[in-house]
Amino acid sequence: MTKRAYFGTDGIRGQANSHPMTAEVALRVGLAAGKLFMSQDDRRHMVVIGKDTRLSGYMVEPALVAGFASVGMDVRLLGPMPTPGVAMMTRSLRADLGVMISASHNAFIDNGIKLFGPDGYKLSDERELEIEALMDQGLADGLAAPTALGRVSRVDDSQARYVEIAKATFPRRMSLAGLRVVIDCAHGAAYKVAPVVLYELGAEVIKIGVDPDGTNINEECGSTHPEAMVRAVKEYRADIGIALDGDADRLLICDEKGHVVDGDQIMALIADNWAKRDRLSGGGVVATVMSNLGLERFLAARDLKLERTAVGDRAVMVRMREGGFNLGGEQSGHMIMSDFSTTGDGLLAALQVLAVLKLGDKPMSELAHQFEPVPQLLQNVRFAGGKPLEDDQVKKVLAAAELRLAGVGRLVVRASGTEPLIRVMAEGDDEKLVRDVVKEIVGAVKKAAA
């Protein structure tokens, strides 16, 4: 595959005001993407832009706007909006392109640019490479005449539109009345819309993480720090806790006792419910190589399959579309339900869990534990530069680990596509073996990265 200069596994991402997350790069993205998506015909073209609550969004957004407008593309600004909301609005407004400014679950110092095509799906690798090629070319010949510049305006009802779309995914004639729900919005993109959706569906809502100041997104809250959700559930004696991440495309849940539920258990719960109601398409679920072996066994016991992909919700969605699946996700909490959305949506996934909770007569603590996870250990090794996984000693340790786990477990070692991390994951029925294998690999990687 051609080496990518700007785009990673989920758009362009990096520390704000450092390459590649600079105003200059954002301007070039607007110029290049606008030029590419305006090359089809001579009608008026439009891009919608949403963002989360990071301070640097005020730098990235105007640069993108300038790029798009300068090639003659009209711009509609959505303001703070969940990533899946941007995908929905791209289709709803019949735009040629959608842009989300967010670094998802990362700290506020980072930011990112995600692009969606007119169908609401994230752009393919091929499309991103086309944009990269244009970004590094002289773009002056694509600039619009003074009379043909793009017009820029705000979509004042974008959040209200998303609220109504989200509510429509909840079963008709069902209410959340009687449920006390904690929602942690991570001071992020869903800080307004998520509590409103739950309240209008009838829940008693305890909202936290809804006071963004530009620098507190994901800070000790949200799906990356579920402790805040757990504390609130216990304090207010809630029936369930829901924690979103900064751009609200993933979630974690905790039951009324404060036990945290990851994406694998959520997928199992929804898949089992949908299969019983003959709503599950494709004969199973799509997940990544990181999902627990226990999920695979749980599905197999119900004559359902688990198809694994590379890490990233875009890879999951590609396989879902190829195989006709309508449910997929990641252990980290990305949930894709293609009947409702073209990308991961934490709030819509939470609504499906709430529907199961409301329909049954069991507390969340009984619903949350769908299967017994196989002992699994994940450790991250941060590195400053180089390619530790190409070190000869690391390769030897990895080969030995594969042999030890052959037939009794799994090993996944990969470089993160969004941060300078090596992720080391092993799982198997022998917990001590799993710990030993991970310890040896982490030690070798740290030595190579030193």
Protein backbone atom coordinates (compact mmCIF):
# COMPACT_ATOMS: atom_id res chain seq x y z
CA MET A 1 0.00 0.00 0.00
CA THR A 2 1.21 3.53 -0.78
CA LYS A 3 2.76 5.27 2.23
CA ARG A 4 0.38 7.84 3.70
CA ALA A 5 1.78 11.26 4.59
CA TYR A 6 -1.20 12.73 6.44
CA PHE A 7 -4.02 10.23 6.96
CA GLY A 8 -3.89 7.47 9.57
CA THR A 9 -6.39 4.79 10.53
CA ASP A 10 -9.07 7.38 11.31
CA GLY A 11 -8.44 10.55 9.36
CA ILE A 12 -5.68 13.03 10.15
CA ARG A 13 -4.75 13.31 13.80
CA GLY A 14 -2.00 14.84 15.89
CA GLN A 15 -1.08 17.46 18.44
CA ALA A 16 -2.76 20.78 17.69
CA ASN A 17 -0.56 23.39 16.02
CA SER A 18 2.09 20.78 15.21
CA HIS A 19 2.36 18.94 11.89
CA PRO A 20 0.09 17.52 10.60
CA MET A 21 -2.56 19.27 12.74
CA THR A 22 -1.76 22.83 11.67
CA ALA A 23 -3.90 25.53 10.12
CA GLU A 24 -1.83 25.20 6.94
CA VAL A 25 -2.55 21.48 6.60
CA ALA A 26 -6.25 22.07 7.35
CA LEU A 27 -6.32 24.73 4.63
CA ARG A 28 -4.73 22.27 2.20
CA VAL A 29 -7.26 19.59 3.15
CA GLY A 30 -10.07 22.02 2.34
CA LEU A 31 -8.48 22.99 -0.95
CA ALA A 32 -7.69 19.43 -2.02
CA ALA A 33 -10.90 17.74 -0.84
CA GLY A 34 -12.98 20.56 -2.22
CA LYS A 35 -11.24 20.36 -5.58
CA LEU A 36 -11.64 16.57 -5.69
CA PHE A 37 -15.32 16.53 -4.78
CA MET A 38 -16.17 19.45 -7.05
CA SER A 39 -14.69 17.82 -10.11
CA GLN A 40 -17.86 15.88 -10.95
CA ASP A 41 -19.96 18.63 -12.54
CA ASP A 42 -20.55 22.39 -12.52
CA ARG A 43 -23.44 22.57 -10.02
CA ARG A 44 -23.13 24.23 -6.60
CA HIS A 45 -21.31 21.91 -4.22
CA MET A 46 -21.55 21.79 -0.44
CA VAL A 47 -19.59 20.52 2.56
CA VAL A 48 -20.87 20.26 6.15
CA ILE A 49 -18.44 20.71 9.04
CA GLY A 50 -18.97 19.66 12.63
CA LYS A 51 -16.59 19.66 15.58
CA ASP A 52 -16.17 18.69 19.19
CA THR A 53 -15.34 21.11 22.01
CA ARG A 54 -11.55 21.40 21.77
CA LEU A 55 -9.99 24.84 21.91
CA SER A 56 -8.03 24.09 18.73
CA GLY A 57 -11.28 23.60 16.82
CA TYR A 58 -11.42 27.38 16.57
CA MET A 59 -8.16 27.24 14.62
CA VAL A 60 -8.88 24.21 12.42
CA GLU A 61 -12.45 25.11 11.43
CA PRO A 62 -11.70 28.53 9.85
CA ALA A 63 -8.76 27.07 7.94
CA LEU A 64 -10.94 24.32 6.49
CA VAL A 65 -13.66 26.86 5.67
CA ALA A 66 -11.15 29.04 3.84
CA GLY A 67 -9.92 26.10 1.80
CA PHE A 68 -13.37 24.90 0.78
CA ALA A 69 -14.75 28.37 0.05
CA SER A 70 -11.70 29.32 -2.03
CA VAL A 71 -12.37 26.51 -4.50
CA GLY A 72 -16.04 27.47 -4.72
CA MET A 73 -17.62 24.98 -2.32
CA ASP A 74 -20.44 26.18 -0.08
CA VAL A 75 -19.93 25.45 3.61
CA ARG A 76 -22.53 24.65 6.26
CA LEU A 77 -21.27 24.81 9.85
CA LEU A 78 -22.95 22.48 12.35
CA GLY A 79 -21.11 23.52 15.51
CA PRO A 80 -20.58 20.92 18.29
CA MET A 81 -21.95 17.67 16.90
CA PRO A 82 -21.23 13.95 17.45
CA THR A 83 -19.24 12.34 14.66
CA PRO A 84 -22.22 10.14 13.63
CA GLY A 85 -24.35 13.29 13.53
CA VAL A 86 -22.02 14.79 10.94
CA ALA A 87 -22.33 11.62 8.86
CA MET A 88 -26.13 11.81 9.13
CA MET A 89 -26.24 15.51 8.24
CA THR A 90 -23.98 14.93 5.23
CA ARG A 91 -26.65 12.67 3.76
CA SER A 92 -29.62 14.65 5.07
CA LEU A 93 -28.44 17.92 3.53
CA ARG A 94 -27.35 16.16 0.33
CA ALA A 95 -23.82 17.46 0.79
CA ASP A 96 -20.88 16.31 -1.30
CA LEU A 97 -18.64 15.93 1.72
CA GLY A 98 -18.78 15.89 5.51
CA VAL A 99 -15.99 16.87 7.89
CA MET A 100 -15.65 16.18 11.62
CA ILE A 101 -13.00 18.07 13.57
CA SER A 102 -12.13 15.84 16.52
CA ALA A 103 -9.43 13.66 18.05
CA SER A 104 -12.11 11.41 19.55
CA HIS A 105 -10.95 10.01 22.91
CA ASN A 106 -7.56 11.76 22.90
CA ALA A 107 -6.63 14.58 25.28
CA PHE A 108 -7.56 18.16 24.37
CA ILE A 109 -4.08 19.00 23.08
CA ASP A 110 -4.73 16.74 20.08
CA ASN A 111 -7.16 17.25 17.25
CA GLY A 112 -8.11 15.53 14.03
CA ILE A 113 -9.97 15.75 10.73
CA LYS A 114 -12.32 12.96 9.61
CA LEU A 115 -13.92 13.01 6.17
CA PHE A 116 -17.22 11.49 5.03
CA GLY A 117 -18.43 10.99 1.48
CA PRO A 118 -21.90 12.01 0.24
CA ASP A 119 -23.22 8.59 1.32
CA GLY A 120 -22.26 9.32 4.94
CA TYR A 121 -19.50 6.69 5.04
CA LYS A 122 -15.90 7.47 5.92
CA LEU A 123 -13.74 7.92 2.85
CA SER A 124 -11.84 4.92 1.52
CA ASP A 125 -8.07 4.67 1.63
CA GLU A 126 -8.01 5.33 -2.11
CA ARG A 127 -9.95 8.58 -1.76
CA GLU A 128 -7.73 9.74 1.09
CA LEU A 129 -4.64 9.06 -1.03
CA GLU A 130 -6.16 11.14 -3.84
CA ILE A 131 -6.60 14.01 -1.40
CA GLU A 132 -3.04 13.61 -0.14
CA ALA A 133 -1.71 13.76 -3.70
CA LEU A 134 -3.60 16.99 -4.34
CA MET A 135 -2.48 18.50 -1.02
CA ASP A 136 1.15 18.28 -2.09
CA GLN A 137 0.54 19.76 -5.53
CA GLY A 138 0.20 23.40 -6.45
CA LEU A 139 -3.47 24.14 -5.91
CA ALA A 140 -3.59 27.65 -7.34
CA ASP A 141 -5.13 26.45 -10.61
CA GLY A 142 -8.16 25.16 -8.71
CA LEU A 143 -9.08 28.45 -7.05
CA ALA A 144 -12.49 29.88 -7.85
CA ALA A 145 -13.06 33.24 -9.49
CA PRO A 146 -14.09 36.09 -7.13
CA THR A 147 -17.68 35.70 -8.30
CA ALA A 148 -17.71 31.94 -7.70
CA LEU A 149 -16.40 31.71 -4.12
CA GLY A 150 -18.25 29.39 -1.76
CA ARG A 151 -20.80 30.81 0.67
CA VAL A 152 -20.62 29.99 4.37
CA SER A 153 -23.55 29.72 6.80
CA ARG A 154 -24.53 27.98 10.03
CA VAL A 155 -27.16 25.24 10.31
CA ASP A 156 -29.00 26.46 13.39
CA ASP A 157 -31.16 23.37 13.85
CA SER A 158 -28.44 20.72 13.35
CA GLN A 159 -28.53 19.53 16.96
CA ALA A 160 -32.33 19.37 16.98
CA ARG A 161 -32.20 17.28 13.79
CA TYR A 162 -29.81 14.80 15.34
CA VAL A 163 -31.96 14.55 18.48
CA GLU A 164 -35.00 13.59 16.40
CA ILE A 165 -33.02 11.09 14.30
CA ALA A 166 -31.65 9.46 17.47
CA LYS A 167 -35.07 9.25 19.12
CA ALA A 168 -36.49 7.59 16.01
CA THR A 169 -34.12 4.63 16.47
CA PHE A 170 -35.73 3.77 19.82
CA PRO A 171 -38.63 1.26 19.65
CA ARG A 172 -41.96 2.95 18.98
CA ARG A 173 -44.48 3.20 21.78
CA MET A 174 -41.71 2.52 24.31
CA SER A 175 -40.66 5.00 26.97
CA LEU A 176 -37.70 5.24 29.32
CA ALA A 177 -40.01 6.37 32.09
CA GLY A 178 -39.03 4.83 35.41
CA LEU A 179 -35.32 4.53 34.55
CA ARG A 180 -32.71 6.68 36.24
CA VAL A 181 -29.82 7.11 33.81
CA VAL A 182 -26.39 8.66 34.31
CA ILE A 183 -24.94 10.07 31.08
CA ASP A 184 -21.29 11.20 30.95
CA CYS A 185 -20.67 13.25 27.82
CA ALA A 186 -16.91 13.70 28.41
CA HIS A 187 -17.31 17.48 28.04
CA GLY A 188 -17.40 16.63 24.35
CA ALA A 189 -19.48 16.84 21.21
CA ALA A 190 -22.64 15.27 22.66
CA TYR A 191 -22.82 17.43 25.77
CA LYS A 192 -26.07 19.03 24.60
CA VAL A 193 -27.78 16.38 22.48
CA ALA A 194 -27.32 13.19 24.51
CA PRO A 195 -29.06 14.35 27.72
CA VAL A 196 -31.89 15.82 25.64
CA VAL A 197 -32.52 12.54 23.79
CA LEU A 198 -32.69 10.56 27.03
CA TYR A 199 -34.91 13.13 28.74
CA GLU A 200 -37.35 13.40 25.83
CA LEU A 201 -37.65 9.59 25.77
CA GLY A 202 -38.80 9.73 29.38
CA ALA A 203 -35.75 8.93 31.50
CA GLU A 204 -34.72 10.62 34.70
CA VAL A 205 -31.34 11.96 33.59
CA ILE A 206 -28.28 12.67 35.71
CA LYS A 207 -25.82 14.38 33.39
CA ILE A 208 -22.09 14.82 33.98
CA GLY A 209 -19.28 15.90 31.68
CA VAL A 210 -21.49 18.60 30.16
CA ASP A 211 -19.44 21.73 30.93
CA PRO A 212 -16.81 22.01 28.19
CA ASP A 213 -14.24 24.79 28.49
CA GLY A 214 -12.08 23.89 25.50
CA THR A 215 -9.46 22.05 27.55
CA ASN A 216 -11.37 19.50 29.65
CA ILE A 217 -12.64 17.13 26.95
CA ASN A 218 -12.07 13.49 28.05
CA GLU A 219 -10.30 14.75 31.20
CA GLU A 220 -10.98 12.21 33.94
CA CYS A 221 -14.39 11.53 32.43
CA GLY A 222 -16.08 9.81 29.51
CA SER A 223 -15.47 6.32 28.16
CA THR A 224 -11.70 6.53 28.70
CA HIS A 225 -12.21 7.32 32.40
CA PRO A 226 -15.39 5.48 33.44
CA GLU A 227 -14.68 6.11 37.14
CA ALA A 228 -16.68 9.35 36.97
CA MET A 229 -19.71 7.48 35.60
CA VAL A 230 -19.36 4.77 38.24
CA ARG A 231 -19.24 7.33 41.07
CA ALA A 232 -22.37 9.07 39.77
CA VAL A 233 -24.28 5.79 39.37
CA LYS A 234 -23.53 4.86 42.97
CA GLU A 235 -24.22 8.33 44.34
CA TYR A 236 -27.59 8.71 42.62
CA ARG A 237 -28.51 5.01 42.74
CA ALA A 238 -29.05 4.98 39.00
CA ASP A 239 -30.23 1.97 37.01
CA ILE A 240 -27.47 2.34 34.44
CA GLY A 241 -24.54 4.56 33.52
CA ILE A 242 -23.52 5.57 29.99
CA ALA A 243 -20.15 7.12 29.18
CA LEU A 244 -19.43 8.55 25.73
CA ASP A 245 -16.09 9.70 24.38
CA GLY A 246 -15.18 13.14 23.07
CA ASP A 247 -16.90 12.79 19.71
CA ALA A 248 -19.59 10.36 20.95
CA ASP A 249 -18.88 7.55 18.48
CA ARG A 250 -18.10 5.08 21.27
CA LEU A 251 -19.45 4.23 24.72
CA LEU A 252 -18.96 2.18 27.83
CA ILE A 253 -21.73 1.24 30.24
CA CYS A 254 -21.88 0.36 33.91
CA ASP A 255 -24.63 -1.49 35.74
CA GLU A 256 -26.46 -0.34 38.85
CA LYS A 257 -23.69 -1.81 41.02
CA GLY A 258 -21.00 0.19 39.24
CA HIS A 259 -19.50 -2.68 37.24
CA VAL A 260 -18.16 -1.44 33.89
CA VAL A 261 -19.29 -3.17 30.69
CA ASP A 262 -17.06 -3.05 27.60
CA GLY A 263 -17.93 -3.12 23.92
CA ASP A 264 -17.76 -6.91 23.63
CA GLN A 265 -20.46 -7.42 26.26
CA ILE A 266 -22.59 -4.68 24.67
CA MET A 267 -22.29 -6.36 21.26
CA ALA A 268 -23.26 -9.70 22.79
CA LEU A 269 -26.32 -8.18 24.48
CA ILE A 270 -27.57 -6.43 21.34
CA ALA A 271 -26.76 -9.39 19.05
CA ASP A 272 -28.61 -11.86 21.26
CA ASN A 273 -31.63 -9.58 21.50
CA TRP A 274 -31.72 -8.86 17.78
CA ALA A 275 -31.25 -12.54 16.87
CA LYS A 276 -34.20 -13.52 19.06
CA ARG A 277 -36.30 -10.86 17.34
CA ASP A 278 -35.08 -11.91 13.86
CA ARG A 279 -33.46 -8.50 13.36
CA LEU A 280 -29.82 -9.58 13.10
CA SER A 281 -28.51 -9.60 9.52
CA GLY A 282 -25.53 -11.49 8.13
CA GLY A 283 -25.77 -14.38 10.55
CA GLY A 284 -23.52 -12.81 13.15
CA VAL A 285 -21.41 -9.83 14.18
CA VAL A 286 -18.31 -8.10 12.84
CA ALA A 287 -15.63 -7.21 15.38
CA THR A 288 -11.87 -6.65 15.38
CA VAL A 289 -8.89 -8.79 16.29
CA MET A 290 -9.01 -7.20 19.76
CA SER A 291 -12.41 -8.61 20.72
CA ASN A 292 -12.39 -11.27 23.42
CA LEU A 293 -12.46 -14.96 22.52
CA GLY A 294 -15.37 -15.24 24.96
CA LEU A 295 -17.53 -13.19 22.58
CA GLU A 296 -16.71 -15.57 19.74
CA ARG A 297 -17.69 -18.57 21.87
CA PHE A 298 -20.88 -16.84 23.04
CA LEU A 299 -21.99 -16.22 19.46
CA ALA A 300 -20.99 -19.72 18.28
CA ALA A 301 -23.19 -21.25 20.99
CA ARG A 302 -26.11 -19.45 19.34
CA ASP A 303 -25.13 -20.50 15.82
CA LEU A 304 -23.90 -16.99 15.10
CA LYS A 305 -20.49 -16.15 13.66
CA LEU A 306 -17.92 -13.55 14.64
CA GLU A 307 -16.01 -12.11 11.72
CA ARG A 308 -12.81 -10.30 12.70
CA THR A 309 -11.21 -7.33 10.95
CA ALA A 310 -8.26 -5.04 11.50
CA VAL A 311 -8.66 -2.47 14.26
CA GLY A 312 -10.76 0.58 13.46
CA ASP A 313 -14.45 1.15 12.97
CA ARG A 314 -13.88 1.89 9.28
CA ALA A 315 -12.52 -1.64 8.76
CA VAL A 316 -15.51 -3.02 10.65
CA MET A 317 -17.96 -1.08 8.49
CA VAL A 318 -16.29 -2.21 5.26
CA ARG A 319 -16.73 -5.87 6.25
CA MET A 320 -20.29 -5.23 7.40
CA ARG A 321 -21.18 -3.82 4.00
CA GLU A 322 -19.43 -6.67 2.17
CA GLY A 323 -21.16 -9.38 4.21
CA GLY A 324 -24.58 -7.84 4.78
CA PHE A 325 -24.12 -7.50 8.57
CA ASN A 326 -26.06 -4.86 10.49
CA LEU A 327 -24.15 -5.05 13.78
CA GLY A 328 -20.46 -4.60 14.41
CA GLY A 329 -18.09 -2.88 16.75
CA GLU A 330 -14.98 -2.82 18.85
CA GLN A 331 -14.15 -3.86 22.38
CA SER A 332 -13.27 -0.20 23.04
CA GLY A 333 -16.92 0.73 22.60
CA HIS A 334 -17.39 1.66 18.95
CA MET A 335 -20.82 0.27 18.01
CA ILE A 336 -22.01 0.33 14.42
CA MET A 337 -25.65 -0.44 13.68
CA SER A 338 -26.05 0.00 9.96
CA ASP A 339 -29.84 0.02 10.15
CA PHE A 340 -29.48 3.42 11.80
CA SER A 341 -26.08 4.91 11.04
CA THR A 342 -23.10 4.76 8.69
CA THR A 343 -20.50 4.95 11.45
CA GLY A 344 -20.07 4.26 15.16
CA ASP A 345 -22.66 5.95 17.38
CA GLY A 346 -22.39 5.63 21.16
CA LEU A 347 -25.75 7.20 21.89
CA LEU A 348 -27.70 5.00 19.47
CA ALA A 349 -26.00 1.91 20.91
CA ALA A 350 -26.95 3.06 24.40
CA LEU A 351 -30.58 3.38 23.30
CA GLN A 352 -30.57 -0.23 22.10
CA VAL A 353 -29.21 -1.38 25.47
CA LEU A 354 -31.83 0.72 27.26
CA ALA A 355 -34.54 -0.88 25.13
CA VAL A 356 -33.42 -4.35 26.27
CA LEU A 357 -33.31 -3.15 29.88
CA LYS A 358 -36.76 -1.64 29.62
CA LEU A 359 -38.30 -4.65 27.88
CA GLY A 360 -37.10 -7.17 30.45
CA ASP A 361 -37.58 -7.59 34.16
CA LYS A 362 -33.90 -7.97 35.01
CA PRO A 363 -31.55 -5.31 36.38
CA MET A 364 -28.62 -4.19 34.25
CA SER A 365 -26.22 -6.24 36.39
CA GLU A 366 -27.87 -9.45 35.13
CA LEU A 367 -28.02 -8.27 31.52
CA ALA A 368 -24.50 -6.85 31.39
CA HIS A 369 -22.59 -10.09 31.90
CA GLN A 370 -23.53 -11.97 28.73
CA PHE A 371 -20.44 -14.21 28.65
CA GLU A 372 -17.38 -15.08 30.70
CA PRO A 373 -14.40 -13.31 29.13
CA VAL A 374 -11.30 -15.35 28.41
CA PRO A 375 -8.36 -13.94 30.42
CA GLN A 376 -7.03 -11.11 28.28
CA LEU A 377 -4.26 -8.62 28.96
CA LEU A 378 -3.55 -5.46 26.98
CA GLN A 379 -0.54 -3.25 27.64
CA ASN A 380 0.57 -0.18 25.73
CA VAL A 381 4.20 0.78 25.21
CA ARG A 382 4.82 4.41 24.30
CA PHE A 383 7.81 5.09 22.06
CA ALA A 384 9.48 8.27 20.86
CA GLY A 385 10.45 7.19 17.35
CA GLY A 386 11.68 4.43 15.14
CA LYS A 387 9.96 1.11 14.47
CA PRO A 388 10.33 -1.18 17.52
CA LEU A 389 8.34 -3.99 15.89
CA GLU A 390 11.00 -4.33 13.19
CA ASP A 391 13.74 -5.00 15.76
CA ASP A 392 15.24 -8.50 15.36
CA GLN A 393 15.04 -9.34 19.06
CA VAL A 394 11.40 -8.23 19.22
CA LYS A 395 10.64 -10.45 16.24
CA LYS A 396 12.24 -13.44 18.01
CA VAL A 397 10.23 -12.85 21.18
CA LEU A 398 7.02 -12.51 19.14
CA ALA A 399 7.70 -15.77 17.28
CA ALA A 400 8.30 -17.61 20.56
CA ALA A 401 5.11 -16.17 22.05
CA GLU A 402 3.09 -17.30 19.05
CA LEU A 403 4.36 -20.84 19.53
CA ARG A 404 3.47 -20.85 23.25
CA LEU A 405 -0.09 -19.65 22.53
CA ALA A 406 -0.66 -21.87 19.49
CA GLY A 407 -3.98 -23.65 19.90
CA VAL A 408 -4.65 -22.25 23.38
CA GLY A 409 -4.90 -18.50 22.86
CA ARG A 410 -4.36 -15.48 20.65
CA LEU A 411 -1.74 -12.78 20.32
CA VAL A 412 -2.19 -9.36 18.72
CA VAL A 413 0.72 -6.90 18.64
CA ARG A 414 0.30 -3.75 16.60
CA ALA A 415 1.26 -0.11 16.35
CA SER A 416 -1.54 2.31 17.13
CA GLY A 417 -2.75 4.27 14.14
CA THR A 418 -3.55 7.37 16.22
CA GLU A 419 -0.83 7.57 18.90
CA PRO A 420 2.90 6.61 19.23
CA LEU A 421 2.03 3.37 21.02
CA ILE A 422 2.69 -0.33 20.53
CA ARG A 423 -0.34 -2.27 21.74
CA VAL A 424 0.38 -5.77 23.08
CA MET A 425 -2.63 -8.03 23.65
CA ALA A 426 -2.72 -11.72 24.53
CA GLU A 427 -5.56 -13.92 25.65
CA GLY A 428 -6.10 -17.56 26.55
CA ASP A 429 -7.61 -19.82 29.17
CA ASP A 430 -4.28 -19.97 31.06
CA GLU A 431 -4.06 -16.57 32.76
CA LYS A 432 -0.47 -17.02 33.93
CA LEU A 433 0.68 -17.87 30.42
CA VAL A 434 -1.06 -14.75 29.10
CA ARG A 435 0.65 -12.55 31.71
CA ASP A 436 4.07 -14.09 31.05
CA VAL A 437 3.78 -13.67 27.28
CA VAL A 438 2.73 -10.02 27.52
CA LYS A 439 5.48 -9.25 30.05
CA GLU A 440 8.17 -10.70 27.78
CA ILE A 441 6.94 -8.85 24.70
CA VAL A 442 6.51 -5.53 26.51
CA GLY A 443 10.04 -5.87 27.90
CA ALA A 444 11.48 -6.52 24.45
CA VAL A 445 9.57 -3.63 22.87
CA LYS A 446 10.65 -1.20 25.62
CA LYS A 447 14.26 -2.22 25.15
CA ALA A 448 14.04 -1.75 21.39
CA ALA A 449 12.30 1.61 21.82
CA ALA A 450 14.84 2.94 24.32
